[in-house]
Amino acid sequence: MFTGIVVERGRILSDPAASGRGGVALAVGHSRALAERLEVGASLAVSGVCLTVTDLAEHRDGARCLVELSPETVERTNLGELTSGSAVNLEPALRAGDPLGGHWVQGHVDATLAILGREDLDEHSVFTFELPADQARYVVEKGSVALDGVSLTVARRLADRFTVALIPHTLEVTTLGQRQPGQRVNFEIDVLAKYVENMLVQRGLAAPGPAAG
């Protein structure tokens, strides 16, 4: 479980390669401080995708970990597009007693969304994202979404798109500051919306959607 509060930006150290086990291996460079919170078998959110650490080691001025992507992960997320040098958002799993600064994030990406527009206002930015019809029911104005692993509040919701407003800190410490129209980001629905829908479907009060069907 995560909260969508990115602790640092990591970097892909080499192009993704076949793991020899049917998946794709990624080598992620990060700080020693983050390495102290990880161990083999631990969960790590990489740009919003919950992955398992398979190896840890020192690397130059910091540390690096290995994670493996399943074919499902490659197909459903944007991680398959990463290359050597790509920046990624990193968040270790929530620990008992950690502050809940964002919202409950599972690291289970539902889809990738295209950036339709970016408006820079002094040091702040407003991003507009597409909203496919099968996902629209789960997005509400002032509700929470996770985009590339970052917990954000929906500023405005239209029929086929929504906007989020990013403060300078978020632009600086996450990869969203580098994002431009046309690129795609990992999108995770607020899990509370899925549970509410499922309960309504079970009671016959709503038709099943993609998250409850």
N, C-alpha and C. Protein backbone atom coordinates (compact mmCIF):
# COMPACT_ATOMS: atom_id res chain seq x y z
N MET A 1 0.84 -1.19 0.00
CA MET A 1 0.00 0.00 0.00
C MET A 1 0.88 1.24 0.00
N PHE A 2 0.45 2.27 -0.75
CA PHE A 2 1.19 3.51 -0.88
C PHE A 2 0.24 4.68 -0.66
N THR A 3 0.79 5.90 -0.68
CA THR A 3 -0.07 7.08 -0.51
C THR A 3 0.05 8.06 -1.67
N GLY A 4 0.90 7.77 -2.65
CA GLY A 4 1.06 8.69 -3.77
C GLY A 4 1.93 9.89 -3.45
N ILE A 5 2.72 9.80 -2.38
CA ILE A 5 3.68 10.86 -2.04
C ILE A 5 5.07 10.37 -2.45
N VAL A 6 5.55 10.87 -3.56
CA VAL A 6 6.83 10.42 -4.11
C VAL A 6 7.98 10.86 -3.21
N VAL A 7 8.88 9.93 -2.87
CA VAL A 7 10.00 10.29 -1.99
C VAL A 7 11.21 10.78 -2.78
N GLU A 8 11.35 10.32 -4.02
CA GLU A 8 12.45 10.80 -4.85
C GLU A 8 12.26 10.33 -6.29
N ARG A 9 13.03 10.97 -7.18
CA ARG A 9 13.07 10.52 -8.57
C ARG A 9 14.26 9.59 -8.73
N GLY A 10 14.00 8.42 -9.27
CA GLY A 10 15.07 7.49 -9.61
C GLY A 10 15.36 7.56 -11.09
N ARG A 11 16.28 6.73 -11.53
CA ARG A 11 16.65 6.73 -12.95
C ARG A 11 16.90 5.30 -13.41
N ILE A 12 16.41 4.99 -14.60
CA ILE A 12 16.65 3.68 -15.18
C ILE A 12 18.11 3.61 -15.63
N LEU A 13 18.83 2.59 -15.19
CA LEU A 13 20.27 2.53 -15.41
C LEU A 13 20.66 1.86 -16.72
N SER A 14 19.74 1.09 -17.30
CA SER A 14 20.04 0.43 -18.57
C SER A 14 18.72 0.13 -19.26
N ASP A 15 18.78 -0.09 -20.55
CA ASP A 15 17.56 -0.42 -21.28
C ASP A 15 16.94 -1.69 -20.72
N PRO A 16 15.61 -1.75 -20.64
CA PRO A 16 14.95 -2.98 -20.16
C PRO A 16 15.40 -4.17 -21.00
N ALA A 17 15.51 -5.31 -20.32
CA ALA A 17 15.96 -6.53 -20.99
C ALA A 17 15.14 -7.71 -20.50
N ALA A 18 15.06 -8.74 -21.32
CA ALA A 18 14.35 -9.96 -20.93
C ALA A 18 14.98 -10.52 -19.66
N SER A 19 14.14 -10.90 -18.72
CA SER A 19 14.63 -11.38 -17.44
C SER A 19 15.04 -12.84 -17.47
N GLY A 20 14.65 -13.55 -18.53
CA GLY A 20 14.91 -14.98 -18.59
C GLY A 20 13.86 -15.80 -17.88
N ARG A 21 12.87 -15.10 -17.32
CA ARG A 21 11.78 -15.78 -16.61
C ARG A 21 10.42 -15.41 -17.19
N GLY A 22 10.44 -14.90 -18.41
CA GLY A 22 9.19 -14.55 -19.07
C GLY A 22 8.79 -13.10 -18.91
N GLY A 23 9.57 -12.33 -18.16
CA GLY A 23 9.25 -10.93 -17.93
C GLY A 23 10.35 -10.02 -18.42
N VAL A 24 10.32 -8.77 -17.93
CA VAL A 24 11.32 -7.77 -18.30
C VAL A 24 11.95 -7.24 -17.02
N ALA A 25 13.28 -7.18 -17.00
CA ALA A 25 14.01 -6.70 -15.83
C ALA A 25 14.36 -5.23 -15.98
N LEU A 26 14.20 -4.49 -14.88
CA LEU A 26 14.58 -3.08 -14.84
C LEU A 26 15.59 -2.87 -13.73
N ALA A 27 16.64 -2.10 -14.01
CA ALA A 27 17.60 -1.68 -12.99
C ALA A 27 17.33 -0.21 -12.69
N VAL A 28 17.00 0.08 -11.43
CA VAL A 28 16.60 1.42 -11.03
C VAL A 28 17.64 2.01 -10.09
N GLY A 29 18.21 3.13 -10.44
CA GLY A 29 19.15 3.82 -9.57
C GLY A 29 18.42 4.75 -8.61
N HIS A 30 18.87 4.80 -7.37
CA HIS A 30 18.21 5.64 -6.35
C HIS A 30 19.20 5.95 -5.23
N SER A 31 18.75 6.64 -4.22
CA SER A 31 19.63 7.06 -3.13
C SER A 31 19.86 5.93 -2.13
N ARG A 32 20.91 6.08 -1.35
CA ARG A 32 21.16 5.13 -0.26
C ARG A 32 20.08 5.24 0.81
N ALA A 33 19.55 6.44 0.99
CA ALA A 33 18.49 6.62 1.98
C ALA A 33 17.27 5.77 1.63
N LEU A 34 16.91 5.71 0.36
CA LEU A 34 15.79 4.86 -0.04
C LEU A 34 16.17 3.39 0.10
N ALA A 35 17.41 3.05 -0.22
CA ALA A 35 17.85 1.66 -0.10
C ALA A 35 17.69 1.13 1.32
N GLU A 36 17.84 2.01 2.31
CA GLU A 36 17.69 1.59 3.71
C GLU A 36 16.26 1.18 4.03
N ARG A 37 15.31 1.61 3.21
CA ARG A 37 13.91 1.24 3.43
C ARG A 37 13.49 0.03 2.60
N LEU A 38 14.43 -0.50 1.83
CA LEU A 38 14.12 -1.62 0.94
C LEU A 38 14.88 -2.87 1.34
N GLU A 39 14.36 -4.00 0.90
CA GLU A 39 15.04 -5.27 1.02
C GLU A 39 14.51 -6.16 -0.09
N VAL A 40 15.20 -7.25 -0.35
CA VAL A 40 14.72 -8.17 -1.38
C VAL A 40 13.34 -8.70 -0.97
N GLY A 41 12.41 -8.61 -1.89
CA GLY A 41 11.03 -9.01 -1.60
C GLY A 41 10.12 -7.86 -1.23
N ALA A 42 10.71 -6.66 -1.00
CA ALA A 42 9.90 -5.50 -0.63
C ALA A 42 9.18 -4.94 -1.85
N SER A 43 8.10 -4.21 -1.58
CA SER A 43 7.34 -3.55 -2.65
C SER A 43 7.87 -2.14 -2.86
N LEU A 44 7.94 -1.74 -4.12
CA LEU A 44 8.39 -0.40 -4.48
C LEU A 44 7.50 0.09 -5.62
N ALA A 45 6.91 1.27 -5.46
CA ALA A 45 6.11 1.87 -6.52
C ALA A 45 7.04 2.62 -7.47
N VAL A 46 7.06 2.18 -8.71
CA VAL A 46 7.88 2.81 -9.75
C VAL A 46 6.92 3.50 -10.73
N SER A 47 6.88 4.83 -10.66
CA SER A 47 5.92 5.61 -11.45
C SER A 47 4.50 5.06 -11.32
N GLY A 48 4.16 4.72 -10.08
CA GLY A 48 2.80 4.30 -9.78
C GLY A 48 2.52 2.82 -9.93
N VAL A 49 3.53 2.03 -10.27
CA VAL A 49 3.34 0.59 -10.46
C VAL A 49 4.00 -0.16 -9.31
N CYS A 50 3.24 -0.95 -8.59
CA CYS A 50 3.79 -1.74 -7.48
C CYS A 50 4.61 -2.89 -8.03
N LEU A 51 5.91 -2.88 -7.71
CA LEU A 51 6.83 -3.92 -8.18
C LEU A 51 7.58 -4.50 -6.99
N THR A 52 8.11 -5.70 -7.18
CA THR A 52 8.85 -6.39 -6.13
C THR A 52 10.35 -6.26 -6.36
N VAL A 53 11.08 -5.86 -5.34
CA VAL A 53 12.54 -5.76 -5.42
C VAL A 53 13.14 -7.16 -5.43
N THR A 54 13.92 -7.46 -6.45
CA THR A 54 14.54 -8.79 -6.56
C THR A 54 16.03 -8.78 -6.22
N ASP A 55 16.63 -7.58 -6.17
CA ASP A 55 18.05 -7.49 -5.83
C ASP A 55 18.36 -6.06 -5.43
N LEU A 56 19.34 -5.90 -4.52
CA LEU A 56 19.80 -4.59 -4.07
C LEU A 56 21.32 -4.56 -4.08
N ALA A 57 21.88 -3.42 -4.46
CA ALA A 57 23.34 -3.32 -4.46
C ALA A 57 23.75 -1.85 -4.44
N GLU A 58 25.00 -1.61 -4.10
CA GLU A 58 25.57 -0.27 -4.21
C GLU A 58 25.75 0.07 -5.69
N HIS A 59 25.70 1.38 -5.99
CA HIS A 59 25.90 1.79 -7.38
C HIS A 59 26.43 3.22 -7.40
N ARG A 60 27.69 3.38 -7.76
CA ARG A 60 28.32 4.70 -7.87
C ARG A 60 28.08 5.52 -6.61
N ASP A 61 27.36 6.65 -6.74
CA ASP A 61 27.16 7.52 -5.59
C ASP A 61 25.89 7.18 -4.81
N GLY A 62 25.25 6.10 -5.15
CA GLY A 62 24.01 5.75 -4.47
C GLY A 62 23.81 4.25 -4.41
N ALA A 63 22.64 3.82 -4.82
CA ALA A 63 22.31 2.40 -4.79
C ALA A 63 21.45 2.09 -6.00
N ARG A 64 21.22 0.79 -6.22
CA ARG A 64 20.33 0.39 -7.30
C ARG A 64 19.59 -0.85 -6.87
N CYS A 65 18.39 -0.99 -7.41
CA CYS A 65 17.62 -2.21 -7.17
C CYS A 65 17.16 -2.76 -8.51
N LEU A 66 16.87 -4.05 -8.51
CA LEU A 66 16.31 -4.71 -9.69
C LEU A 66 14.86 -5.04 -9.42
N VAL A 67 14.00 -4.81 -10.40
CA VAL A 67 12.60 -5.19 -10.34
C VAL A 67 12.26 -5.89 -11.64
N GLU A 68 11.20 -6.69 -11.63
CA GLU A 68 10.80 -7.42 -12.83
C GLU A 68 9.37 -7.06 -13.20
N LEU A 69 9.15 -6.83 -14.50
CA LEU A 69 7.84 -6.51 -15.03
C LEU A 69 7.23 -7.77 -15.64
N SER A 70 6.00 -8.06 -15.29
CA SER A 70 5.29 -9.16 -15.93
C SER A 70 4.77 -8.70 -17.28
N PRO A 71 4.40 -9.62 -18.18
CA PRO A 71 3.80 -9.21 -19.45
C PRO A 71 2.57 -8.33 -19.25
N GLU A 72 1.77 -8.60 -18.21
CA GLU A 72 0.59 -7.79 -17.90
C GLU A 72 0.99 -6.35 -17.59
N THR A 73 2.05 -6.18 -16.81
CA THR A 73 2.53 -4.85 -16.44
C THR A 73 3.03 -4.09 -17.66
N VAL A 74 3.77 -4.77 -18.53
CA VAL A 74 4.28 -4.14 -19.74
C VAL A 74 3.13 -3.67 -20.62
N GLU A 75 2.07 -4.47 -20.70
CA GLU A 75 0.95 -4.15 -21.57
C GLU A 75 0.08 -3.02 -21.01
N ARG A 76 -0.11 -2.99 -19.71
CA ARG A 76 -1.09 -2.08 -19.11
C ARG A 76 -0.49 -0.74 -18.68
N THR A 77 0.83 -0.64 -18.53
CA THR A 77 1.45 0.58 -18.01
C THR A 77 2.41 1.18 -19.05
N ASN A 78 3.01 2.31 -18.68
CA ASN A 78 3.98 2.94 -19.58
C ASN A 78 5.42 2.51 -19.27
N LEU A 79 5.62 1.56 -18.36
CA LEU A 79 6.98 1.18 -17.99
C LEU A 79 7.72 0.49 -19.12
N GLY A 80 6.98 -0.15 -20.03
CA GLY A 80 7.62 -0.81 -21.16
C GLY A 80 8.27 0.17 -22.12
N GLU A 81 7.95 1.47 -21.99
CA GLU A 81 8.51 2.50 -22.87
C GLU A 81 9.80 3.09 -22.31
N LEU A 82 10.18 2.70 -21.10
CA LEU A 82 11.37 3.29 -20.47
C LEU A 82 12.64 2.84 -21.17
N THR A 83 13.62 3.72 -21.15
CA THR A 83 14.94 3.41 -21.69
C THR A 83 15.99 3.88 -20.68
N SER A 84 17.24 3.54 -20.94
CA SER A 84 18.32 3.96 -20.06
C SER A 84 18.31 5.48 -19.89
N GLY A 85 18.32 5.94 -18.65
CA GLY A 85 18.30 7.36 -18.36
C GLY A 85 16.93 7.91 -18.05
N SER A 86 15.88 7.15 -18.30
CA SER A 86 14.52 7.64 -18.01
C SER A 86 14.36 7.88 -16.51
N ALA A 87 13.70 8.98 -16.16
CA ALA A 87 13.41 9.28 -14.77
C ALA A 87 12.11 8.61 -14.36
N VAL A 88 12.05 8.13 -13.12
CA VAL A 88 10.85 7.47 -12.60
C VAL A 88 10.57 7.96 -11.19
N ASN A 89 9.30 8.02 -10.83
CA ASN A 89 8.90 8.37 -9.47
C ASN A 89 9.01 7.13 -8.58
N LEU A 90 9.55 7.31 -7.39
CA LEU A 90 9.75 6.17 -6.48
C LEU A 90 9.08 6.44 -5.14
N GLU A 91 8.37 5.41 -4.66
CA GLU A 91 7.78 5.47 -3.32
C GLU A 91 7.83 4.08 -2.71
N PRO A 92 8.48 3.91 -1.54
CA PRO A 92 8.46 2.62 -0.87
C PRO A 92 7.10 2.37 -0.24
N ALA A 93 6.84 1.12 0.11
CA ALA A 93 5.56 0.77 0.72
C ALA A 93 5.37 1.50 2.04
N LEU A 94 4.13 1.82 2.33
CA LEU A 94 3.77 2.52 3.56
C LEU A 94 4.11 1.66 4.77
N ARG A 95 4.69 2.29 5.79
CA ARG A 95 5.00 1.61 7.05
C ARG A 95 4.02 2.06 8.13
N ALA A 96 3.78 1.20 9.10
CA ALA A 96 2.92 1.57 10.22
C ALA A 96 3.47 2.83 10.89
N GLY A 97 2.61 3.83 11.06
CA GLY A 97 3.03 5.08 11.67
C GLY A 97 3.43 6.16 10.69
N ASP A 98 3.59 5.81 9.39
CA ASP A 98 3.92 6.82 8.40
C ASP A 98 2.72 7.76 8.20
N PRO A 99 2.97 9.04 7.91
CA PRO A 99 1.85 9.97 7.67
C PRO A 99 1.12 9.63 6.38
N LEU A 100 -0.19 9.81 6.41
CA LEU A 100 -1.01 9.57 5.22
C LEU A 100 -1.21 10.90 4.51
N GLY A 101 -0.23 11.32 3.75
CA GLY A 101 -0.27 12.63 3.15
C GLY A 101 -1.05 12.71 1.85
N GLY A 102 -1.26 11.59 1.18
CA GLY A 102 -1.99 11.59 -0.09
C GLY A 102 -3.32 10.88 0.05
N HIS A 103 -3.48 9.75 -0.67
CA HIS A 103 -4.66 8.91 -0.50
C HIS A 103 -4.21 7.46 -0.70
N TRP A 104 -5.09 6.52 -0.39
CA TRP A 104 -4.72 5.11 -0.50
C TRP A 104 -4.45 4.76 -1.97
N VAL A 105 -3.23 4.33 -2.24
CA VAL A 105 -2.82 3.96 -3.60
C VAL A 105 -2.27 2.54 -3.54
N GLN A 106 -2.74 1.69 -4.44
CA GLN A 106 -2.31 0.29 -4.42
C GLN A 106 -1.14 0.00 -5.35
N GLY A 107 -0.93 0.87 -6.32
CA GLY A 107 0.10 0.57 -7.31
C GLY A 107 -0.39 -0.38 -8.37
N HIS A 108 -1.72 -0.49 -8.51
CA HIS A 108 -2.35 -1.34 -9.52
C HIS A 108 -2.93 -0.42 -10.61
N VAL A 109 -2.18 -0.23 -11.66
CA VAL A 109 -2.55 0.73 -12.71
C VAL A 109 -3.74 0.21 -13.51
N ASP A 110 -4.72 1.08 -13.71
CA ASP A 110 -5.92 0.71 -14.46
C ASP A 110 -5.79 0.99 -15.95
N ALA A 111 -5.04 2.01 -16.31
CA ALA A 111 -4.90 2.38 -17.72
C ALA A 111 -3.80 3.41 -17.84
N THR A 112 -3.44 3.74 -19.06
CA THR A 112 -2.58 4.90 -19.30
C THR A 112 -3.43 5.97 -19.98
N LEU A 113 -3.20 7.22 -19.60
CA LEU A 113 -3.96 8.35 -20.13
C LEU A 113 -3.04 9.31 -20.88
N ALA A 114 -3.52 9.85 -21.97
CA ALA A 114 -2.75 10.82 -22.73
C ALA A 114 -2.88 12.21 -22.13
N ILE A 115 -1.79 12.96 -22.12
CA ILE A 115 -1.83 14.37 -21.72
C ILE A 115 -2.33 15.17 -22.92
N LEU A 116 -3.44 15.86 -22.73
CA LEU A 116 -4.03 16.64 -23.82
C LEU A 116 -3.51 18.07 -23.86
N GLY A 117 -3.10 18.58 -22.71
CA GLY A 117 -2.62 19.96 -22.70
C GLY A 117 -1.87 20.27 -21.42
N ARG A 118 -1.03 21.29 -21.49
CA ARG A 118 -0.29 21.78 -20.33
C ARG A 118 -0.26 23.29 -20.39
N GLU A 119 -0.69 23.95 -19.32
CA GLU A 119 -0.66 25.40 -19.24
C GLU A 119 0.22 25.80 -18.06
N ASP A 120 1.33 26.45 -18.33
CA ASP A 120 2.25 26.88 -17.29
C ASP A 120 1.90 28.30 -16.85
N LEU A 121 1.65 28.46 -15.55
CA LEU A 121 1.25 29.75 -14.98
C LEU A 121 2.28 30.13 -13.93
N ASP A 122 3.21 31.00 -14.31
CA ASP A 122 4.37 31.30 -13.45
C ASP A 122 5.05 29.97 -13.11
N GLU A 123 5.07 29.58 -11.83
CA GLU A 123 5.74 28.35 -11.45
C GLU A 123 4.77 27.19 -11.26
N HIS A 124 3.49 27.43 -11.44
CA HIS A 124 2.48 26.39 -11.35
C HIS A 124 2.12 25.91 -12.76
N SER A 125 1.50 24.73 -12.84
CA SER A 125 1.06 24.21 -14.13
C SER A 125 -0.28 23.53 -13.98
N VAL A 126 -1.10 23.62 -15.03
CA VAL A 126 -2.37 22.91 -15.09
C VAL A 126 -2.29 21.92 -16.25
N PHE A 127 -2.49 20.65 -15.94
CA PHE A 127 -2.45 19.60 -16.95
C PHE A 127 -3.87 19.13 -17.25
N THR A 128 -4.12 18.86 -18.51
CA THR A 128 -5.39 18.27 -18.93
C THR A 128 -5.14 16.87 -19.45
N PHE A 129 -5.91 15.91 -18.94
CA PHE A 129 -5.77 14.52 -19.32
C PHE A 129 -7.05 14.01 -19.98
N GLU A 130 -6.88 13.08 -20.91
CA GLU A 130 -8.05 12.46 -21.50
C GLU A 130 -8.78 11.63 -20.44
N LEU A 131 -10.08 11.41 -20.64
CA LEU A 131 -10.87 10.61 -19.72
C LEU A 131 -11.74 9.66 -20.54
N PRO A 132 -11.26 8.44 -20.78
CA PRO A 132 -12.03 7.47 -21.57
C PRO A 132 -13.38 7.19 -20.92
N ALA A 133 -14.35 6.86 -21.74
CA ALA A 133 -15.71 6.66 -21.26
C ALA A 133 -15.80 5.57 -20.19
N ASP A 134 -15.00 4.52 -20.33
CA ASP A 134 -15.09 3.42 -19.36
C ASP A 134 -14.42 3.75 -18.03
N GLN A 135 -13.72 4.88 -17.93
CA GLN A 135 -13.09 5.30 -16.68
C GLN A 135 -13.78 6.52 -16.06
N ALA A 136 -14.62 7.18 -16.84
CA ALA A 136 -15.18 8.47 -16.42
C ALA A 136 -15.98 8.39 -15.14
N ARG A 137 -16.67 7.27 -14.91
CA ARG A 137 -17.54 7.17 -13.74
C ARG A 137 -16.76 7.20 -12.43
N TYR A 138 -15.46 6.95 -12.49
CA TYR A 138 -14.66 6.88 -11.27
C TYR A 138 -13.93 8.18 -10.94
N VAL A 139 -14.06 9.18 -11.79
CA VAL A 139 -13.34 10.44 -11.59
C VAL A 139 -14.36 11.53 -11.25
N VAL A 140 -14.16 12.20 -10.12
CA VAL A 140 -15.08 13.26 -9.69
C VAL A 140 -14.27 14.51 -9.34
N GLU A 141 -14.89 15.66 -9.53
CA GLU A 141 -14.23 16.92 -9.20
C GLU A 141 -13.91 16.96 -7.71
N LYS A 142 -12.68 17.34 -7.40
CA LYS A 142 -12.12 17.39 -6.05
C LYS A 142 -11.85 16.01 -5.46
N GLY A 143 -12.00 14.97 -6.28
CA GLY A 143 -11.63 13.63 -5.85
C GLY A 143 -10.15 13.37 -6.11
N SER A 144 -9.68 12.19 -5.73
CA SER A 144 -8.27 11.85 -5.85
C SER A 144 -8.02 10.89 -7.01
N VAL A 145 -6.88 11.09 -7.68
CA VAL A 145 -6.39 10.18 -8.71
C VAL A 145 -4.89 10.02 -8.49
N ALA A 146 -4.35 8.91 -8.99
CA ALA A 146 -2.90 8.72 -8.97
C ALA A 146 -2.41 8.71 -10.41
N LEU A 147 -1.49 9.62 -10.72
CA LEU A 147 -0.93 9.75 -12.06
C LEU A 147 0.57 9.58 -11.99
N ASP A 148 1.09 8.54 -12.64
CA ASP A 148 2.51 8.17 -12.52
C ASP A 148 2.91 8.06 -11.06
N GLY A 149 1.97 7.59 -10.23
CA GLY A 149 2.27 7.36 -8.83
C GLY A 149 2.14 8.57 -7.94
N VAL A 150 1.69 9.70 -8.48
CA VAL A 150 1.56 10.93 -7.70
C VAL A 150 0.09 11.14 -7.33
N SER A 151 -0.19 11.28 -6.04
CA SER A 151 -1.55 11.55 -5.58
C SER A 151 -1.91 12.99 -5.91
N LEU A 152 -3.01 13.16 -6.69
CA LEU A 152 -3.42 14.49 -7.13
C LEU A 152 -4.92 14.66 -6.98
N THR A 153 -5.33 15.91 -6.88
CA THR A 153 -6.74 16.25 -6.77
C THR A 153 -7.27 16.73 -8.11
N VAL A 154 -8.42 16.20 -8.50
CA VAL A 154 -9.06 16.61 -9.74
C VAL A 154 -9.56 18.04 -9.58
N ALA A 155 -9.06 18.96 -10.40
CA ALA A 155 -9.46 20.36 -10.31
C ALA A 155 -10.76 20.61 -11.06
N ARG A 156 -10.88 20.00 -12.24
CA ARG A 156 -12.07 20.18 -13.06
C ARG A 156 -12.35 18.89 -13.81
N ARG A 157 -13.61 18.53 -13.90
CA ARG A 157 -14.02 17.29 -14.57
C ARG A 157 -15.02 17.61 -15.66
N LEU A 158 -14.67 17.27 -16.90
CA LEU A 158 -15.57 17.41 -18.04
C LEU A 158 -15.95 16.02 -18.53
N ALA A 159 -16.75 15.95 -19.57
CA ALA A 159 -17.26 14.66 -20.03
C ALA A 159 -16.14 13.73 -20.48
N ASP A 160 -15.14 14.26 -21.19
CA ASP A 160 -14.11 13.40 -21.78
C ASP A 160 -12.70 13.78 -21.35
N ARG A 161 -12.57 14.62 -20.31
CA ARG A 161 -11.25 15.03 -19.85
C ARG A 161 -11.33 15.58 -18.44
N PHE A 162 -10.18 15.71 -17.79
CA PHE A 162 -10.13 16.33 -16.47
C PHE A 162 -8.80 17.05 -16.33
N THR A 163 -8.76 17.98 -15.38
CA THR A 163 -7.53 18.74 -15.16
C THR A 163 -7.04 18.55 -13.73
N VAL A 164 -5.74 18.71 -13.55
CA VAL A 164 -5.13 18.77 -12.22
C VAL A 164 -4.19 19.96 -12.20
N ALA A 165 -4.07 20.60 -11.05
CA ALA A 165 -3.18 21.74 -10.88
C ALA A 165 -1.97 21.30 -10.06
N LEU A 166 -0.79 21.54 -10.60
CA LEU A 166 0.45 21.11 -9.94
C LEU A 166 1.20 22.31 -9.37
N ILE A 167 1.58 22.19 -8.10
CA ILE A 167 2.35 23.24 -7.44
C ILE A 167 3.83 23.09 -7.81
N PRO A 168 4.64 24.13 -7.60
CA PRO A 168 6.06 24.05 -7.96
C PRO A 168 6.78 22.84 -7.33
N HIS A 169 6.46 22.51 -6.08
CA HIS A 169 7.14 21.38 -5.43
C HIS A 169 6.91 20.09 -6.20
N THR A 170 5.67 19.83 -6.58
CA THR A 170 5.36 18.60 -7.32
C THR A 170 6.06 18.58 -8.67
N LEU A 171 6.09 19.71 -9.35
CA LEU A 171 6.78 19.79 -10.63
C LEU A 171 8.28 19.53 -10.49
N GLU A 172 8.83 19.93 -9.35
CA GLU A 172 10.28 19.81 -9.14
C GLU A 172 10.69 18.40 -8.72
N VAL A 173 9.93 17.76 -7.83
CA VAL A 173 10.39 16.51 -7.23
C VAL A 173 9.85 15.27 -7.94
N THR A 174 8.89 15.41 -8.85
CA THR A 174 8.36 14.26 -9.59
C THR A 174 8.64 14.41 -11.07
N THR A 175 8.38 13.35 -11.80
CA THR A 175 8.61 13.38 -13.25
C THR A 175 7.54 14.18 -13.99
N LEU A 176 6.45 14.55 -13.32
CA LEU A 176 5.39 15.28 -14.00
C LEU A 176 5.86 16.62 -14.53
N GLY A 177 6.86 17.21 -13.89
CA GLY A 177 7.38 18.47 -14.38
C GLY A 177 8.01 18.37 -15.76
N GLN A 178 8.40 17.16 -16.16
CA GLN A 178 9.01 16.95 -17.47
C GLN A 178 8.00 16.51 -18.52
N ARG A 179 6.77 16.27 -18.10
CA ARG A 179 5.77 15.72 -19.01
C ARG A 179 5.22 16.78 -19.96
N GLN A 180 4.91 16.33 -21.19
CA GLN A 180 4.41 17.23 -22.22
C GLN A 180 3.20 16.60 -22.92
N PRO A 181 2.36 17.42 -23.55
CA PRO A 181 1.21 16.89 -24.28
C PRO A 181 1.60 15.80 -25.27
N GLY A 182 0.76 14.78 -25.34
CA GLY A 182 1.02 13.64 -26.22
C GLY A 182 1.60 12.45 -25.49
N GLN A 183 2.26 12.69 -24.36
CA GLN A 183 2.80 11.58 -23.58
C GLN A 183 1.69 10.92 -22.76
N ARG A 184 1.96 9.71 -22.32
CA ARG A 184 0.97 8.97 -21.56
C ARG A 184 1.48 8.72 -20.14
N VAL A 185 0.57 8.77 -19.18
CA VAL A 185 0.90 8.54 -17.77
C VAL A 185 0.10 7.38 -17.23
N ASN A 186 0.64 6.74 -16.20
CA ASN A 186 -0.07 5.66 -15.53
C ASN A 186 -1.19 6.25 -14.67
N PHE A 187 -2.35 5.62 -14.75
CA PHE A 187 -3.54 6.13 -14.07
C PHE A 187 -4.12 5.04 -13.18
N GLU A 188 -4.33 5.37 -11.90
CA GLU A 188 -4.98 4.44 -10.97
C GLU A 188 -6.22 5.10 -10.37
N ILE A 189 -7.33 4.40 -10.50
CA ILE A 189 -8.59 4.85 -9.92
C ILE A 189 -8.48 4.79 -8.40
N ASP A 190 -9.12 5.70 -7.72
CA ASP A 190 -9.21 5.65 -6.26
C ASP A 190 -9.92 4.35 -5.87
N VAL A 191 -9.25 3.52 -5.09
CA VAL A 191 -9.81 2.21 -4.74
C VAL A 191 -11.13 2.32 -4.01
N LEU A 192 -11.38 3.41 -3.31
CA LEU A 192 -12.67 3.57 -2.62
C LEU A 192 -13.81 3.61 -3.62
N ALA A 193 -13.58 4.21 -4.79
CA ALA A 193 -14.62 4.25 -5.82
C ALA A 193 -14.96 2.84 -6.29
N LYS A 194 -13.95 2.00 -6.39
CA LYS A 194 -14.18 0.62 -6.84
C LYS A 194 -15.01 -0.15 -5.82
N TYR A 195 -14.70 0.02 -4.55
CA TYR A 195 -15.44 -0.70 -3.51
C TYR A 195 -16.89 -0.22 -3.42
N VAL A 196 -17.08 1.10 -3.51
CA VAL A 196 -18.44 1.63 -3.45
C VAL A 196 -19.25 1.10 -4.62
N GLU A 197 -18.67 1.13 -5.82
CA GLU A 197 -19.38 0.62 -6.98
C GLU A 197 -19.71 -0.86 -6.81
N ASN A 198 -18.77 -1.63 -6.32
CA ASN A 198 -19.00 -3.07 -6.16
C ASN A 198 -20.15 -3.34 -5.20
N MET A 199 -20.22 -2.59 -4.10
CA MET A 199 -21.31 -2.79 -3.15
C MET A 199 -22.66 -2.42 -3.76
N LEU A 200 -22.68 -1.35 -4.55
CA LEU A 200 -23.93 -0.94 -5.20
C LEU A 200 -24.36 -1.97 -6.23
N VAL A 201 -23.39 -2.54 -6.96
CA VAL A 201 -23.72 -3.57 -7.95
C VAL A 201 -24.30 -4.80 -7.26
N GLN A 202 -23.68 -5.20 -6.13
CA GLN A 202 -24.16 -6.38 -5.41
C GLN A 202 -25.59 -6.19 -4.90
N ARG A 203 -25.95 -4.96 -4.63
CA ARG A 203 -27.31 -4.67 -4.14
C ARG A 203 -28.28 -4.36 -5.26
N GLY A 204 -27.81 -4.44 -6.49
CA GLY A 204 -28.66 -4.18 -7.64
C GLY A 204 -28.97 -2.73 -7.87
N LEU A 205 -28.16 -1.85 -7.31
CA LEU A 205 -28.41 -0.42 -7.40
C LEU A 205 -27.57 0.26 -8.49
N ALA A 206 -26.68 -0.49 -9.13
CA ALA A 206 -25.86 0.06 -10.18
C ALA A 206 -25.45 -1.05 -11.14
N ALA A 207 -25.22 -0.67 -12.38
CA ALA A 207 -24.73 -1.63 -13.37
C ALA A 207 -23.23 -1.80 -13.21
N PRO A 208 -22.70 -3.01 -13.40
CA PRO A 208 -21.25 -3.20 -13.23
C PRO A 208 -20.46 -2.46 -14.28
N GLY A 209 -19.40 -1.80 -13.83
CA GLY A 209 -18.48 -1.12 -14.73
C GLY A 209 -17.22 -1.96 -14.87
N PRO A 210 -16.19 -1.44 -15.54
CA PRO A 210 -14.96 -2.20 -15.74
C PRO A 210 -14.24 -2.57 -14.46
N ALA A 211 -14.44 -1.80 -13.39
CA ALA A 211 -13.74 -2.10 -12.14
C ALA A 211 -14.54 -3.05 -11.25
N ALA A 212 -15.84 -3.26 -11.57
CA ALA A 212 -16.67 -4.08 -10.71
C ALA A 212 -17.24 -5.30 -11.44
N GLY A 213 -17.10 -5.30 -12.76
CA GLY A 213 -17.72 -6.36 -13.54
C GLY A 213 -16.97 -7.66 -13.48
